[in-house]
């Protein structure tokens, strides 16, 4: 070995010993090729992404299939009509008939003449909704002459014939005139010319 080669190797060793471990790692990474590692990682990421997308679409398809199966196995609306809704409809009809009975009882208590012509009134009230039956009862009674019409209004009553007081004169007394003259002389002059101030002697 030459002296020069020995010196070069010693210089390299000294330089390497002075470098920090991070600098040594960086120099090693620069010497090795990074591109194949990056390409390999990109390929793995792409494959994972494709697998995740495929799994997601499979889950959506399974859920859609389950929804379709659930709709096929769900009881039809006919089942509900036969069972629960018929009971509900019966209860509603019963409630409606009770409301009608109460309404008729209040009408018959207010207009007892209707009890004699119940069948005719039943036919007559069919043209009106239940909340208007009271008005229909009045109309029915008026048309059949069973209800007296309301007394005619006379209009305005004549004015009373009480005693009337004479209006007081617009003239002022001497004391009021004196006070007006002292406090508001222009108004005093105006009223004096108009003859509204009574001058006593």
Protein backbone atom coordinates (compact mmCIF):
# COMPACT_ATOMS: atom_id res chain seq x y z
CA UNK A 1 0.00 0.00 0.00
CA UNK A 2 1.11 3.31 -0.87
CA UNK A 3 1.43 6.07 1.40
CA UNK A 4 -1.19 7.99 -0.51
CA UNK A 5 -3.81 5.26 -0.25
CA UNK A 6 -3.24 4.95 3.43
CA UNK A 7 -3.67 8.64 3.86
CA UNK A 8 -6.89 8.65 1.82
CA UNK A 9 -8.43 5.82 3.85
CA UNK A 10 -7.43 7.48 7.09
CA UNK A 11 -9.03 10.71 5.92
CA UNK A 12 -12.23 8.84 5.06
CA UNK A 13 -12.34 7.13 8.44
CA UNK A 14 -11.78 10.42 10.22
CA UNK A 15 -14.54 12.08 8.20
CA UNK A 16 -16.93 9.22 8.91
CA UNK A 17 -16.18 9.30 12.62
CA UNK A 18 -16.98 13.03 12.72
CA UNK A 19 -20.40 12.59 10.99
CA UNK A 20 -23.52 12.10 13.13
CA UNK A 21 -25.50 8.84 12.86
CA UNK A 22 -28.31 10.61 10.98
CA UNK A 23 -25.89 11.81 8.34
CA UNK A 24 -24.59 8.30 7.96
CA UNK A 25 -28.16 6.96 7.46
CA UNK A 26 -28.87 9.65 4.87
CA UNK A 27 -25.72 8.84 2.95
CA UNK A 28 -26.64 5.14 2.99
CA UNK A 29 -30.17 5.91 1.73
CA UNK A 30 -28.76 8.03 -1.06
CA UNK A 31 -26.52 5.21 -2.14
CA UNK A 32 -29.41 2.66 -2.23
CA UNK A 33 -32.29 3.07 -4.66
CA UNK A 34 -35.51 4.45 -3.10
CA UNK A 35 -37.70 4.19 -6.20
CA UNK A 36 -38.40 0.44 -5.96
CA UNK A 37 -39.60 0.84 -2.34
CA UNK A 38 -41.90 3.72 -3.19
CA UNK A 39 -43.35 1.84 -6.13
CA UNK A 40 -43.96 -1.19 -3.97
CA UNK A 41 -45.77 0.90 -1.32
CA UNK A 42 -47.90 2.62 -3.95
CA UNK A 43 -48.91 -0.76 -5.38
CA UNK A 44 -49.89 -2.04 -1.92
CA UNK A 45 -51.95 1.13 -1.22
CA UNK A 46 -53.73 0.82 -4.56
CA UNK A 47 -54.55 -2.83 -3.86
CA UNK A 48 -55.87 -2.00 -0.39
CA UNK A 49 -58.04 0.81 -1.79
CA UNK A 50 -59.49 -1.50 -4.43
CA UNK A 51 -60.24 -4.16 -1.80
CA UNK A 52 -61.98 -1.57 0.42
CA UNK A 53 -64.13 -0.34 -2.48
CA UNK A 54 -65.07 -3.89 -3.42
CA UNK A 55 -66.03 -4.69 0.18
CA UNK A 56 -68.14 -1.52 0.36
CA UNK A 57 -70.09 -2.38 -2.79
CA UNK A 58 -70.63 -5.93 -1.52
CA UNK A 59 -72.06 -4.55 1.74
CA UNK A 60 -74.42 -2.23 -0.16
CA UNK A 61 -75.63 -5.11 -2.31
CA UNK A 62 -76.23 -7.32 0.74
CA UNK A 63 -78.17 -4.54 2.47
CA UNK A 64 -80.31 -3.97 -0.62
CA UNK A 65 -81.01 -7.69 -0.84
CA UNK A 66 -82.00 -7.79 2.85
CA UNK A 67 -84.37 -4.85 2.33
CA UNK A 68 -86.01 -6.65 -0.57
CA UNK A 69 -86.35 -9.82 1.50
CA UNK A 70 -87.84 -7.88 4.41
CA UNK A 71 -90.45 -6.31 2.13
CA UNK A 72 -91.42 -9.72 0.80
CA UNK A 73 -91.84 -11.16 4.28
CA UNK A 74 -93.57 -8.10 5.78
CA UNK A 75 -97.26 -8.58 6.46
CA UNK A 76 -99.46 -6.97 3.85
CA UNK A 77 -101.81 -4.10 4.56
CA UNK A 78 -104.75 -6.52 4.16
CA UNK A 79 -103.68 -8.22 7.38
CA UNK A 80 -103.87 -4.94 9.24
CA UNK A 81 -107.23 -4.09 7.73
CA UNK A 82 -108.66 -7.39 8.85
CA UNK A 83 -107.20 -7.14 12.34
CA UNK A 84 -106.38 -3.90 14.09
CA UNK A 85 -107.83 -1.32 11.72
CA UNK A 86 -111.26 -2.90 11.71
CA UNK A 87 -111.30 -2.56 15.48
CA UNK A 88 -110.13 1.03 15.18
CA UNK A 89 -112.84 1.74 12.64
CA UNK A 90 -115.45 0.20 14.96
CA UNK A 91 -114.30 2.40 17.84
CA UNK A 92 -114.39 5.49 15.64
CA UNK A 93 -117.93 4.70 14.48
CA UNK A 94 -119.03 4.19 18.08
CA UNK A 95 -117.50 7.51 19.14
CA UNK A 96 -119.21 9.28 16.22
CA UNK A 97 -122.58 7.79 17.12
CA UNK A 98 -122.15 8.89 20.76
CA UNK A 99 -121.36 12.44 19.62
CA UNK A 100 -124.46 12.44 17.42
CA UNK A 101 -126.64 11.21 20.30
CA UNK A 102 -125.36 13.96 22.61
CA UNK A 103 -125.96 16.60 19.95
CA UNK A 104 -129.51 15.35 19.37
CA UNK A 105 -130.24 15.22 23.11
CA UNK A 106 -129.20 18.86 23.51
CA UNK A 107 -131.33 19.86 20.50
CA UNK A 108 -134.38 17.93 21.74
CA UNK A 109 -134.03 19.45 25.20
CA UNK A 110 -133.90 22.96 23.73
CA UNK A 111 -136.70 22.35 21.18
CA UNK A 112 -139.10 19.74 22.63
CA UNK A 113 -141.48 20.11 19.65
CA UNK A 114 -138.94 18.21 17.53
CA UNK A 115 -139.59 14.98 19.44
CA UNK A 116 -143.00 14.71 17.78
CA UNK A 117 -141.45 14.95 14.28
CA UNK A 118 -138.24 12.99 14.88
CA UNK A 119 -138.31 11.00 11.64
CA UNK A 120 -138.90 14.06 9.49
CA UNK A 121 -136.12 15.94 11.27
CA UNK A 122 -133.74 12.99 10.80
CA UNK A 123 -134.30 13.19 7.04
CA UNK A 124 -133.98 16.99 7.10
CA UNK A 125 -130.72 17.04 9.10
CA UNK A 126 -128.94 14.70 6.63
CA UNK A 127 -128.28 17.74 4.41
CA UNK A 128 -126.29 19.45 7.17
CA UNK A 129 -123.07 18.60 8.99
CA UNK A 130 -123.37 17.61 12.66
CA UNK A 131 -122.08 20.92 14.00
CA UNK A 132 -124.87 22.76 12.11
CA UNK A 133 -127.74 20.58 13.39
CA UNK A 134 -128.86 23.19 15.91
CA UNK A 135 -129.33 25.75 13.14
CA UNK A 136 -131.01 23.09 11.02
CA UNK A 137 -133.43 22.37 13.89
CA UNK A 138 -134.42 26.06 14.08
CA UNK A 139 -134.90 26.16 10.32
CA UNK A 140 -136.97 22.97 10.38
CA UNK A 141 -139.19 24.33 13.13
CA UNK A 142 -139.67 27.65 11.31
CA UNK A 143 -140.53 25.93 8.02
CA UNK A 144 -143.10 23.71 9.74
CA UNK A 145 -144.60 26.59 11.73
CA UNK A 146 -143.62 25.08 15.08
CA UNK A 147 -141.42 27.98 16.15
CA UNK A 148 -142.65 31.49 16.54
CA UNK A 149 -140.59 33.96 14.62
CA UNK A 150 -138.63 36.46 16.59
CA UNK A 151 -140.52 39.65 17.44
CA UNK A 152 -140.00 42.46 15.00
CA UNK A 153 -137.65 45.16 16.09
CA UNK A 154 -139.16 48.59 16.45
CA UNK A 155 -136.03 50.48 15.58
CA UNK A 156 -134.93 53.46 17.60
CA UNK A 157 -137.01 54.36 20.62
CA UNK A 158 -138.31 57.92 20.86
CA UNK A 159 -136.32 60.36 22.89
CA UNK A 160 -137.27 60.87 26.54
CA UNK A 161 -139.61 63.72 27.49
CA UNK A 162 -137.74 64.78 30.62
CA UNK A 163 -137.32 68.36 31.85
CA UNK A 164 -134.83 70.48 30.07
CA UNK A 165 -132.50 72.93 31.67
CA UNK A 166 -131.90 76.22 30.01
CA UNK A 167 -128.43 76.61 28.64
CA UNK A 168 -126.26 78.99 30.60
CA UNK A 169 -125.35 82.23 28.94
CA UNK A 170 -121.95 82.63 27.39
CA UNK A 171 -121.46 85.95 29.14
CA UNK A 172 -118.87 86.37 31.90
CA UNK A 173 -119.39 87.82 35.34
CA UNK A 174 -117.55 90.96 36.43
CA UNK A 175 -115.05 89.01 38.54
CA UNK A 176 -114.16 86.65 35.66
CA UNK A 177 -113.81 89.63 33.32
CA UNK A 178 -111.49 91.40 35.74
CA UNK A 179 -109.27 88.33 36.07
CA UNK A 180 -109.16 87.85 32.27
CA UNK A 181 -108.31 91.51 31.76
CA UNK A 182 -105.38 91.26 34.17
CA UNK A 183 -104.04 87.90 32.87
CA UNK A 184 -104.79 87.97 29.14
CA UNK A 185 -105.69 91.44 27.89
CA UNK A 186 -105.84 90.61 24.11
CA UNK A 187 -108.38 87.85 24.76
CA UNK A 188 -110.35 90.22 27.03
CA UNK A 189 -110.55 92.83 24.22
CA UNK A 190 -111.68 90.18 21.74
CA UNK A 191 -114.43 88.90 24.02
CA UNK A 192 -115.52 92.48 24.87
CA UNK A 193 -115.97 93.31 21.18
CA UNK A 194 -117.90 90.03 20.66
CA UNK A 195 -120.25 90.97 23.50
CA UNK A 196 -119.44 87.97 25.62
CA UNK A 197 -118.47 89.94 28.69
CA UNK A 198 -121.33 91.12 30.88
CA UNK A 199 -120.60 94.52 32.36
CA UNK A 200 -122.39 95.19 35.62
CA UNK A 201 -122.87 98.69 36.89
